[in-house]
């Protein structure tokens, strides 16, 4: 019984800490522009530490792809 209770507690607590370390794919970031903007902002605010992390690299790639898909605004003339 004690082991079952301990297992439940460990599983419950493990769900609280996994989101910070999650690595997002380029496709996930392209689909969620709010998350993309958040990660890009964090990476640009701390490039020395975060620049080479998978999330920053994926966010940069996603941002590049999103920009390529957007139609260019005409100059109005």
N, C-alpha and C. Protein backbone atom coordinates (compact mmCIF):
# COMPACT_ATOMS: atom_id res chain seq x y z
N UNK A 1 0.82 -1.20 0.00
CA UNK A 1 0.00 0.00 0.00
C UNK A 1 0.87 1.26 0.00
N UNK A 2 1.95 1.23 0.81
CA UNK A 2 2.83 2.39 0.87
C UNK A 2 3.52 2.63 -0.47
N UNK A 3 3.89 1.55 -1.15
CA UNK A 3 4.54 1.69 -2.45
C UNK A 3 3.58 2.27 -3.49
N UNK A 4 2.33 1.85 -3.42
CA UNK A 4 1.33 2.38 -4.35
C UNK A 4 1.14 3.87 -4.13
N UNK A 5 1.04 4.29 -2.88
CA UNK A 5 0.88 5.69 -2.55
C UNK A 5 2.11 6.50 -2.98
N UNK A 6 3.29 5.95 -2.75
CA UNK A 6 4.52 6.61 -3.16
C UNK A 6 4.59 6.75 -4.68
N UNK A 7 4.18 5.72 -5.39
CA UNK A 7 4.16 5.77 -6.85
C UNK A 7 3.21 6.84 -7.38
N UNK A 8 2.06 6.95 -6.77
CA UNK A 8 1.09 7.97 -7.19
C UNK A 8 1.63 9.37 -6.94
N UNK A 9 2.26 9.57 -5.80
CA UNK A 9 2.83 10.88 -5.48
C UNK A 9 3.94 11.24 -6.46
N UNK A 10 4.80 10.29 -6.77
CA UNK A 10 5.90 10.54 -7.70
C UNK A 10 5.36 10.88 -9.09
N UNK A 11 4.38 10.13 -9.57
CA UNK A 11 3.80 10.41 -10.88
C UNK A 11 3.12 11.77 -10.93
N UNK A 12 2.45 12.12 -9.84
CA UNK A 12 1.78 13.41 -9.78
C UNK A 12 2.78 14.55 -9.81
N UNK A 13 3.84 14.45 -9.05
CA UNK A 13 4.84 15.50 -9.00
C UNK A 13 5.65 15.58 -10.28
N UNK A 14 5.87 14.48 -10.94
CA UNK A 14 6.66 14.51 -12.17
C UNK A 14 5.95 15.30 -13.27
N UNK A 15 4.65 15.36 -13.25
CA UNK A 15 3.89 16.12 -14.23
C UNK A 15 4.03 17.62 -14.03
N UNK A 16 4.44 18.05 -12.86
CA UNK A 16 4.56 19.47 -12.57
C UNK A 16 5.84 20.09 -13.13
N UNK A 17 6.84 19.28 -13.39
CA UNK A 17 8.13 19.83 -13.73
C UNK A 17 8.55 19.59 -15.17
N UNK A 18 7.81 18.84 -15.95
CA UNK A 18 8.25 18.47 -17.28
C UNK A 18 8.07 19.54 -18.35
N UNK A 19 7.18 20.49 -18.18
CA UNK A 19 6.87 21.46 -19.23
C UNK A 19 8.04 22.41 -19.49
N UNK A 20 8.81 22.74 -18.49
CA UNK A 20 9.93 23.68 -18.65
C UNK A 20 11.04 23.08 -19.51
N UNK A 21 11.24 21.79 -19.44
CA UNK A 21 12.32 21.13 -20.16
C UNK A 21 11.88 20.56 -21.50
N UNK A 22 10.66 20.78 -21.87
CA UNK A 22 10.14 20.21 -23.11
C UNK A 22 10.79 20.87 -24.31
N UNK A 23 11.13 20.07 -25.28
CA UNK A 23 11.69 20.58 -26.53
C UNK A 23 10.58 20.57 -27.57
N UNK A 24 10.27 21.74 -28.09
CA UNK A 24 9.21 21.89 -29.08
C UNK A 24 9.79 21.72 -30.48
N UNK A 25 9.01 21.12 -31.36
CA UNK A 25 9.44 20.95 -32.75
C UNK A 25 9.15 22.25 -33.51
N UNK A 26 9.74 22.36 -34.67
CA UNK A 26 9.52 23.53 -35.51
C UNK A 26 8.05 23.63 -35.89
N UNK A 27 7.44 22.51 -36.22
CA UNK A 27 6.01 22.52 -36.60
C UNK A 27 5.12 22.95 -35.45
N UNK A 28 5.42 22.50 -34.23
CA UNK A 28 4.64 22.92 -33.07
C UNK A 28 4.75 24.42 -32.85
N UNK A 29 5.94 24.94 -33.01
CA UNK A 29 6.15 26.37 -32.81
C UNK A 29 5.49 27.20 -33.90
N UNK A 30 5.49 26.70 -35.12
CA UNK A 30 4.82 27.41 -36.21
C UNK A 30 3.32 27.46 -35.98
N UNK A 31 2.77 26.42 -35.38
CA UNK A 31 1.33 26.36 -35.14
C UNK A 31 0.90 27.23 -33.96
N UNK A 32 1.81 27.51 -33.02
CA UNK A 32 1.48 28.29 -31.83
C UNK A 32 2.33 29.55 -31.81
N UNK A 33 1.82 30.62 -32.40
CA UNK A 33 2.60 31.85 -32.53
C UNK A 33 2.88 32.53 -31.20
N UNK A 34 2.01 32.34 -30.21
CA UNK A 34 2.24 32.92 -28.89
C UNK A 34 3.44 32.24 -28.23
N UNK A 35 3.48 30.92 -28.30
CA UNK A 35 4.60 30.18 -27.75
C UNK A 35 5.89 30.52 -28.50
N UNK A 36 5.80 30.63 -29.81
CA UNK A 36 6.96 30.99 -30.62
C UNK A 36 7.51 32.35 -30.19
N UNK A 37 6.64 33.33 -30.03
CA UNK A 37 7.08 34.66 -29.62
C UNK A 37 7.72 34.64 -28.24
N UNK A 38 7.16 33.84 -27.34
CA UNK A 38 7.70 33.74 -25.98
C UNK A 38 9.12 33.16 -26.01
N UNK A 39 9.30 32.07 -26.75
CA UNK A 39 10.61 31.43 -26.79
C UNK A 39 11.62 32.32 -27.50
N UNK A 40 11.22 32.95 -28.60
CA UNK A 40 12.12 33.86 -29.32
C UNK A 40 12.56 34.99 -28.39
N UNK A 41 11.64 35.54 -27.63
CA UNK A 41 11.95 36.62 -26.71
C UNK A 41 12.95 36.17 -25.65
N UNK A 42 12.70 35.01 -25.06
CA UNK A 42 13.62 34.48 -24.04
C UNK A 42 15.01 34.26 -24.62
N UNK A 43 15.06 33.72 -25.82
CA UNK A 43 16.35 33.42 -26.45
C UNK A 43 17.11 34.69 -26.78
N UNK A 44 16.41 35.70 -27.22
CA UNK A 44 17.09 36.96 -27.56
C UNK A 44 17.48 37.76 -26.34
N UNK A 45 16.78 37.57 -25.22
CA UNK A 45 17.14 38.25 -23.99
C UNK A 45 18.35 37.62 -23.30
N UNK A 46 18.66 36.36 -23.61
CA UNK A 46 19.78 35.67 -22.99
C UNK A 46 20.49 34.80 -24.03
N UNK A 47 21.07 35.41 -25.05
CA UNK A 47 21.66 34.62 -26.13
C UNK A 47 22.89 33.83 -25.72
N UNK A 48 23.65 34.32 -24.76
CA UNK A 48 24.85 33.61 -24.34
C UNK A 48 24.56 32.25 -23.76
N UNK A 49 23.49 32.15 -23.02
CA UNK A 49 23.13 30.89 -22.37
C UNK A 49 22.20 30.04 -23.23
N UNK A 50 21.25 30.67 -23.90
CA UNK A 50 20.17 29.92 -24.55
C UNK A 50 20.34 29.72 -26.05
N UNK A 51 21.23 30.43 -26.69
CA UNK A 51 21.30 30.41 -28.15
C UNK A 51 21.45 29.02 -28.75
N UNK A 52 22.23 28.18 -28.14
CA UNK A 52 22.50 26.85 -28.69
C UNK A 52 21.54 25.77 -28.18
N UNK A 53 20.51 26.15 -27.43
CA UNK A 53 19.56 25.16 -26.94
C UNK A 53 18.63 24.73 -28.07
N UNK A 54 18.13 23.51 -28.01
CA UNK A 54 17.23 23.03 -29.08
C UNK A 54 15.99 23.89 -29.27
N UNK A 55 15.40 24.38 -28.18
CA UNK A 55 14.20 25.20 -28.33
C UNK A 55 14.50 26.52 -29.05
N UNK A 56 15.64 27.13 -28.76
CA UNK A 56 15.98 28.39 -29.44
C UNK A 56 16.28 28.14 -30.91
N UNK A 57 16.98 27.08 -31.20
CA UNK A 57 17.28 26.76 -32.59
C UNK A 57 16.01 26.44 -33.37
N UNK A 58 15.11 25.68 -32.76
CA UNK A 58 13.84 25.36 -33.41
C UNK A 58 12.96 26.60 -33.57
N UNK A 59 13.00 27.49 -32.57
CA UNK A 59 12.21 28.72 -32.65
C UNK A 59 12.73 29.62 -33.77
N UNK A 60 14.03 29.72 -33.92
CA UNK A 60 14.59 30.53 -35.00
C UNK A 60 14.18 29.96 -36.36
N UNK A 61 14.24 28.64 -36.49
CA UNK A 61 13.84 28.01 -37.75
C UNK A 61 12.35 28.22 -38.01
N UNK A 62 11.53 28.10 -36.97
CA UNK A 62 10.09 28.30 -37.12
C UNK A 62 9.77 29.74 -37.50
N UNK A 63 10.45 30.68 -36.86
CA UNK A 63 10.22 32.08 -37.18
C UNK A 63 10.59 32.37 -38.64
N UNK A 64 11.68 31.82 -39.09
CA UNK A 64 12.10 32.00 -40.48
C UNK A 64 11.06 31.45 -41.45
N UNK A 65 10.55 30.26 -41.15
CA UNK A 65 9.54 29.64 -42.02
C UNK A 65 8.24 30.43 -42.01
N UNK A 66 7.85 30.94 -40.84
CA UNK A 66 6.62 31.73 -40.75
C UNK A 66 6.77 33.00 -41.58
N UNK A 67 7.92 33.63 -41.51
CA UNK A 67 8.14 34.86 -42.28
C UNK A 67 8.12 34.60 -43.78
N UNK A 68 8.62 33.46 -44.20
CA UNK A 68 8.61 33.14 -45.62
C UNK A 68 7.21 32.90 -46.15
N UNK A 69 6.31 32.43 -45.31
CA UNK A 69 4.93 32.15 -45.73
C UNK A 69 4.07 33.40 -45.81
N UNK A 70 4.41 34.45 -45.07
CA UNK A 70 3.59 35.65 -45.05
C UNK A 70 3.73 36.40 -46.38
N UNK A 71 2.61 36.86 -46.92
CA UNK A 71 2.70 37.65 -48.15
C UNK A 71 3.36 38.99 -47.86
N UNK A 72 4.10 39.47 -48.79
CA UNK A 72 4.78 40.76 -48.62
C UNK A 72 3.76 41.87 -48.86
N UNK A 73 3.85 42.88 -48.01
CA UNK A 73 2.95 44.03 -48.17
C UNK A 73 3.44 44.89 -49.33
N UNK A 74 2.50 45.31 -50.13
CA UNK A 74 2.88 46.19 -51.24
C UNK A 74 3.11 47.61 -50.73
N UNK A 75 3.81 48.38 -51.50
CA UNK A 75 4.11 49.75 -51.10
C UNK A 75 2.92 50.68 -51.32
N UNK A 76 1.84 50.17 -51.83
CA UNK A 76 0.62 50.97 -52.01
C UNK A 76 0.58 51.69 -53.35
N UNK A 77 1.51 51.43 -54.20
CA UNK A 77 1.54 52.17 -55.44
C UNK A 77 1.29 51.39 -56.61
